C-alpha cells in the first residue's frame, strides 16, 4: 500500500476570483476538497515549469532563446498525453 503523504507546511496564496472559481469547478468535478485540487494543480504547474527548464537546458550552450527556422521567437507548448507506465507504482496524482 502506498505511503500517505504528511503535509507540514502551510502556504497562503492570494488568487483572483476567476482562479478561485476554476479551482472550485475542478474540485466539484473530481469530488475532491478545493485544497487538494489546488495542491494537485500546483504540483502539475511545478512539473511543467521544470520540464520547461529541461527544454531550455537542452539548447546549445550559446543559444539564449530558441528561434524558429526563419528566426521567429518560439514558445514552449505543454501537452498532456496518455502514456503506458512500466510500473503502476510510477503513477502519482
N, C-alpha and C. Protein backbone atom coordinates (compact mmCIF):
# COMPACT_ATOMS: atom_id res chain seq x y z
N UNK A 1 0.84 -1.17 0.00
CA UNK A 1 0.00 0.00 0.00
C UNK A 1 0.89 1.23 0.00
N UNK A 2 0.47 2.25 -0.77
CA UNK A 2 1.26 3.48 -0.88
C UNK A 2 1.26 4.23 0.45
N UNK A 3 2.41 4.79 0.75
CA UNK A 3 2.54 5.57 1.98
C UNK A 3 1.86 6.92 1.79
N UNK A 4 1.03 7.32 2.73
CA UNK A 4 0.31 8.58 2.64
C UNK A 4 1.25 9.75 2.93
N UNK A 5 1.12 10.81 2.14
CA UNK A 5 1.95 11.99 2.35
C UNK A 5 1.50 12.72 3.61
N UNK A 6 2.46 13.22 4.34
CA UNK A 6 2.16 14.04 5.51
C UNK A 6 2.58 15.46 5.17
N UNK A 7 1.62 16.38 5.25
CA UNK A 7 1.89 17.77 4.93
C UNK A 7 2.15 18.55 6.20
N UNK A 8 3.24 19.31 6.20
CA UNK A 8 3.59 20.06 7.40
C UNK A 8 3.70 21.57 7.14
N UNK A 9 3.68 21.97 5.89
CA UNK A 9 3.81 23.37 5.55
C UNK A 9 2.46 23.94 5.14
N UNK A 10 2.26 25.20 5.44
CA UNK A 10 1.06 25.91 5.03
C UNK A 10 1.50 27.10 4.21
N UNK A 11 0.89 27.27 3.06
CA UNK A 11 1.23 28.38 2.17
C UNK A 11 -0.05 29.15 1.88
N UNK A 12 -0.05 30.41 2.24
CA UNK A 12 -1.21 31.25 1.95
C UNK A 12 -1.00 31.88 0.58
N UNK A 13 -1.95 31.67 -0.31
CA UNK A 13 -1.87 32.22 -1.65
C UNK A 13 -3.00 33.21 -1.88
N UNK A 14 -2.68 34.28 -2.57
CA UNK A 14 -3.71 35.20 -3.00
C UNK A 14 -4.04 34.84 -4.44
N UNK A 15 -5.30 34.53 -4.69
CA UNK A 15 -5.71 34.19 -6.04
C UNK A 15 -6.90 35.07 -6.42
N UNK A 16 -7.05 35.29 -7.70
CA UNK A 16 -8.15 36.13 -8.14
C UNK A 16 -9.45 35.31 -8.20
N UNK A 17 -10.54 36.00 -8.41
CA UNK A 17 -11.85 35.37 -8.38
C UNK A 17 -11.99 34.30 -9.47
N UNK A 18 -11.47 34.58 -10.65
CA UNK A 18 -11.58 33.62 -11.75
C UNK A 18 -10.85 32.32 -11.42
N UNK A 19 -9.65 32.42 -10.83
CA UNK A 19 -8.90 31.22 -10.47
C UNK A 19 -9.62 30.45 -9.36
N UNK A 20 -10.17 31.17 -8.42
CA UNK A 20 -10.92 30.53 -7.34
C UNK A 20 -12.11 29.75 -7.89
N UNK A 21 -12.83 30.35 -8.82
CA UNK A 21 -13.98 29.67 -9.44
C UNK A 21 -13.54 28.42 -10.18
N UNK A 22 -12.41 28.51 -10.87
CA UNK A 22 -11.92 27.36 -11.64
C UNK A 22 -11.50 26.22 -10.71
N UNK A 23 -10.84 26.53 -9.61
CA UNK A 23 -10.45 25.50 -8.64
C UNK A 23 -11.71 24.85 -8.07
N UNK A 24 -12.70 25.65 -7.73
CA UNK A 24 -13.96 25.10 -7.21
C UNK A 24 -14.63 24.21 -8.24
N UNK A 25 -14.63 24.63 -9.51
CA UNK A 25 -15.24 23.84 -10.58
C UNK A 25 -14.56 22.48 -10.73
N UNK A 26 -13.24 22.50 -10.78
CA UNK A 26 -12.49 21.25 -10.94
C UNK A 26 -12.67 20.36 -9.72
N UNK A 27 -12.64 20.95 -8.54
CA UNK A 27 -12.84 20.18 -7.31
C UNK A 27 -14.20 19.49 -7.33
N UNK A 28 -15.23 20.20 -7.79
CA UNK A 28 -16.56 19.62 -7.87
C UNK A 28 -16.63 18.46 -8.85
N UNK A 29 -15.96 18.61 -9.99
CA UNK A 29 -15.95 17.53 -10.99
C UNK A 29 -15.29 16.27 -10.45
N UNK A 30 -14.27 16.45 -9.64
CA UNK A 30 -13.50 15.31 -9.13
C UNK A 30 -13.90 14.90 -7.73
N UNK A 31 -14.92 15.55 -7.19
CA UNK A 31 -15.38 15.26 -5.82
C UNK A 31 -14.22 15.28 -4.82
N UNK A 32 -13.40 16.30 -4.93
CA UNK A 32 -12.24 16.46 -4.07
C UNK A 32 -12.36 17.80 -3.33
N UNK A 33 -11.73 17.90 -2.17
CA UNK A 33 -11.69 19.21 -1.50
C UNK A 33 -10.93 20.22 -2.36
N UNK A 34 -11.30 21.47 -2.24
CA UNK A 34 -10.64 22.52 -3.01
C UNK A 34 -9.15 22.58 -2.71
N UNK A 35 -8.76 22.36 -1.46
CA UNK A 35 -7.34 22.43 -1.11
C UNK A 35 -6.55 21.31 -1.81
N UNK A 36 -7.14 20.11 -1.91
CA UNK A 36 -6.46 19.00 -2.59
C UNK A 36 -6.35 19.30 -4.08
N UNK A 37 -7.40 19.86 -4.65
CA UNK A 37 -7.38 20.21 -6.07
C UNK A 37 -6.32 21.28 -6.34
N UNK A 38 -6.26 22.30 -5.50
CA UNK A 38 -5.26 23.35 -5.67
C UNK A 38 -3.85 22.78 -5.54
N UNK A 39 -3.65 21.86 -4.59
CA UNK A 39 -2.34 21.24 -4.40
C UNK A 39 -1.94 20.46 -5.65
N UNK A 40 -2.89 19.71 -6.22
CA UNK A 40 -2.60 18.92 -7.43
C UNK A 40 -2.24 19.85 -8.59
N UNK A 41 -3.00 20.94 -8.75
CA UNK A 41 -2.72 21.87 -9.83
C UNK A 41 -1.37 22.55 -9.64
N UNK A 42 -1.01 22.85 -8.42
CA UNK A 42 0.29 23.44 -8.13
C UNK A 42 1.41 22.44 -8.45
N UNK A 43 1.22 21.17 -8.09
CA UNK A 43 2.21 20.14 -8.43
C UNK A 43 2.40 20.05 -9.94
N UNK A 44 1.29 20.05 -10.68
CA UNK A 44 1.38 19.98 -12.14
C UNK A 44 2.09 21.20 -12.70
N UNK A 45 1.82 22.37 -12.13
CA UNK A 45 2.48 23.58 -12.59
C UNK A 45 3.98 23.53 -12.35
N UNK A 46 4.37 22.99 -11.21
CA UNK A 46 5.80 22.84 -10.91
C UNK A 46 6.44 21.86 -11.89
N UNK A 47 5.74 20.77 -12.17
CA UNK A 47 6.26 19.79 -13.13
C UNK A 47 6.42 20.41 -14.52
N UNK A 48 5.43 21.21 -14.94
CA UNK A 48 5.51 21.87 -16.25
C UNK A 48 6.67 22.87 -16.28
N UNK A 49 6.85 23.60 -15.20
CA UNK A 49 7.95 24.58 -15.13
C UNK A 49 9.30 23.86 -15.22
N UNK A 50 9.43 22.75 -14.52
CA UNK A 50 10.69 22.00 -14.57
C UNK A 50 10.94 21.43 -15.95
N UNK A 51 9.87 20.98 -16.63
CA UNK A 51 10.02 20.48 -17.99
C UNK A 51 10.50 21.59 -18.92
N UNK A 52 10.01 22.81 -18.68
CA UNK A 52 10.45 23.96 -19.46
C UNK A 52 11.94 24.23 -19.22
N UNK A 53 12.36 24.14 -17.96
CA UNK A 53 13.78 24.34 -17.64
C UNK A 53 14.64 23.30 -18.36
N UNK A 54 14.18 22.06 -18.37
CA UNK A 54 14.93 20.99 -19.04
C UNK A 54 15.04 21.29 -20.54
N UNK A 55 13.91 21.72 -21.14
CA UNK A 55 13.93 22.03 -22.57
C UNK A 55 14.92 23.16 -22.87
N UNK A 56 14.99 24.16 -22.01
CA UNK A 56 15.94 25.26 -22.22
C UNK A 56 17.38 24.77 -22.04
N UNK A 57 17.61 23.87 -21.09
CA UNK A 57 18.96 23.36 -20.88
C UNK A 57 19.42 22.46 -22.03
N UNK A 58 18.48 21.92 -22.80
CA UNK A 58 18.85 21.09 -23.94
C UNK A 58 19.30 21.91 -25.15
N UNK A 59 19.09 23.22 -25.09
CA UNK A 59 19.53 24.07 -26.19
C UNK A 59 21.06 24.12 -26.21
N UNK A 60 21.65 24.39 -27.37
CA UNK A 60 23.10 24.58 -27.40
C UNK A 60 23.51 25.67 -26.41
N UNK A 61 24.69 25.57 -25.85
CA UNK A 61 25.12 26.47 -24.78
C UNK A 61 25.16 27.93 -25.21
N UNK A 62 25.31 28.20 -26.51
CA UNK A 62 25.42 29.58 -26.96
C UNK A 62 24.11 30.17 -27.46
N UNK A 63 22.99 29.46 -27.22
CA UNK A 63 21.68 29.94 -27.62
C UNK A 63 20.95 30.42 -26.38
N UNK A 64 20.56 31.72 -26.38
CA UNK A 64 19.86 32.25 -25.22
C UNK A 64 18.38 31.89 -25.23
N UNK A 65 17.76 31.86 -26.42
CA UNK A 65 16.34 31.54 -26.53
C UNK A 65 16.12 30.87 -27.88
N UNK A 66 15.28 29.85 -27.95
CA UNK A 66 15.10 29.16 -29.23
C UNK A 66 14.44 30.05 -30.27
N UNK A 67 14.85 29.86 -31.53
CA UNK A 67 14.27 30.57 -32.65
C UNK A 67 13.80 29.56 -33.68
N UNK A 68 12.75 29.93 -34.40
CA UNK A 68 12.24 29.09 -35.47
C UNK A 68 13.18 29.12 -36.67
N UNK A 69 12.81 28.39 -37.71
CA UNK A 69 13.66 28.30 -38.90
C UNK A 69 13.89 29.66 -39.56
N UNK A 70 12.92 30.56 -39.44
CA UNK A 70 13.05 31.88 -40.06
C UNK A 70 13.41 32.95 -39.04
N UNK A 71 13.87 32.54 -37.86
CA UNK A 71 14.31 33.50 -36.86
C UNK A 71 13.22 34.01 -35.94
N UNK A 72 11.99 33.50 -36.07
CA UNK A 72 10.91 33.99 -35.22
C UNK A 72 11.03 33.39 -33.81
N UNK A 73 10.51 34.13 -32.84
CA UNK A 73 10.50 33.63 -31.46
C UNK A 73 9.66 32.36 -31.36
N UNK A 74 10.03 31.53 -30.41
CA UNK A 74 9.29 30.29 -30.19
C UNK A 74 8.77 30.28 -28.75
N UNK A 75 7.74 29.48 -28.53
CA UNK A 75 7.18 29.28 -27.20
C UNK A 75 7.15 27.79 -26.93
N UNK A 76 7.21 27.43 -25.66
CA UNK A 76 7.17 26.03 -25.27
C UNK A 76 5.72 25.65 -25.03
N UNK A 77 5.23 24.62 -25.70
CA UNK A 77 3.87 24.14 -25.53
C UNK A 77 3.88 22.91 -24.63
N UNK A 78 3.07 22.96 -23.58
CA UNK A 78 2.95 21.83 -22.67
C UNK A 78 1.73 21.03 -23.11
N UNK A 79 1.93 19.73 -23.35
CA UNK A 79 0.87 18.87 -23.86
C UNK A 79 0.64 17.73 -22.89
N UNK A 80 -0.62 17.46 -22.60
CA UNK A 80 -0.95 16.30 -21.77
C UNK A 80 -1.27 15.14 -22.69
N UNK A 81 -0.68 13.99 -22.41
CA UNK A 81 -0.96 12.82 -23.22
C UNK A 81 -0.91 11.58 -22.35
N UNK A 82 -1.65 10.56 -22.74
CA UNK A 82 -1.67 9.30 -22.03
C UNK A 82 -0.47 8.47 -22.46
N UNK A 83 0.26 7.92 -21.51
CA UNK A 83 1.40 7.06 -21.80
C UNK A 83 1.31 5.82 -20.93
N UNK A 84 1.82 4.71 -21.44
CA UNK A 84 1.87 3.49 -20.65
C UNK A 84 3.01 3.59 -19.65
N UNK A 85 2.78 3.04 -18.48
CA UNK A 85 3.80 3.05 -17.45
C UNK A 85 4.38 1.64 -17.31
N UNK A 86 5.68 1.57 -17.15
CA UNK A 86 6.32 0.27 -16.95
C UNK A 86 5.90 -0.31 -15.60
N UNK A 87 5.73 0.54 -14.62
CA UNK A 87 5.38 0.11 -13.26
C UNK A 87 4.19 0.94 -12.79
N UNK A 88 3.06 0.30 -12.44
CA UNK A 88 1.91 1.07 -11.96
C UNK A 88 2.24 1.95 -10.76
N UNK A 89 3.28 1.64 -10.03
CA UNK A 89 3.70 2.46 -8.90
C UNK A 89 4.30 3.80 -9.34
N UNK A 90 4.58 3.93 -10.63
CA UNK A 90 5.12 5.18 -11.16
C UNK A 90 4.07 6.28 -11.21
N UNK A 91 2.80 5.91 -11.13
CA UNK A 91 1.72 6.89 -11.22
C UNK A 91 1.63 7.69 -9.94
N UNK A 92 1.42 8.98 -10.07
CA UNK A 92 1.19 9.81 -8.90
C UNK A 92 0.17 10.87 -9.28
N UNK A 93 -0.53 11.34 -8.29
CA UNK A 93 -1.54 12.37 -8.54
C UNK A 93 -1.02 13.71 -8.08
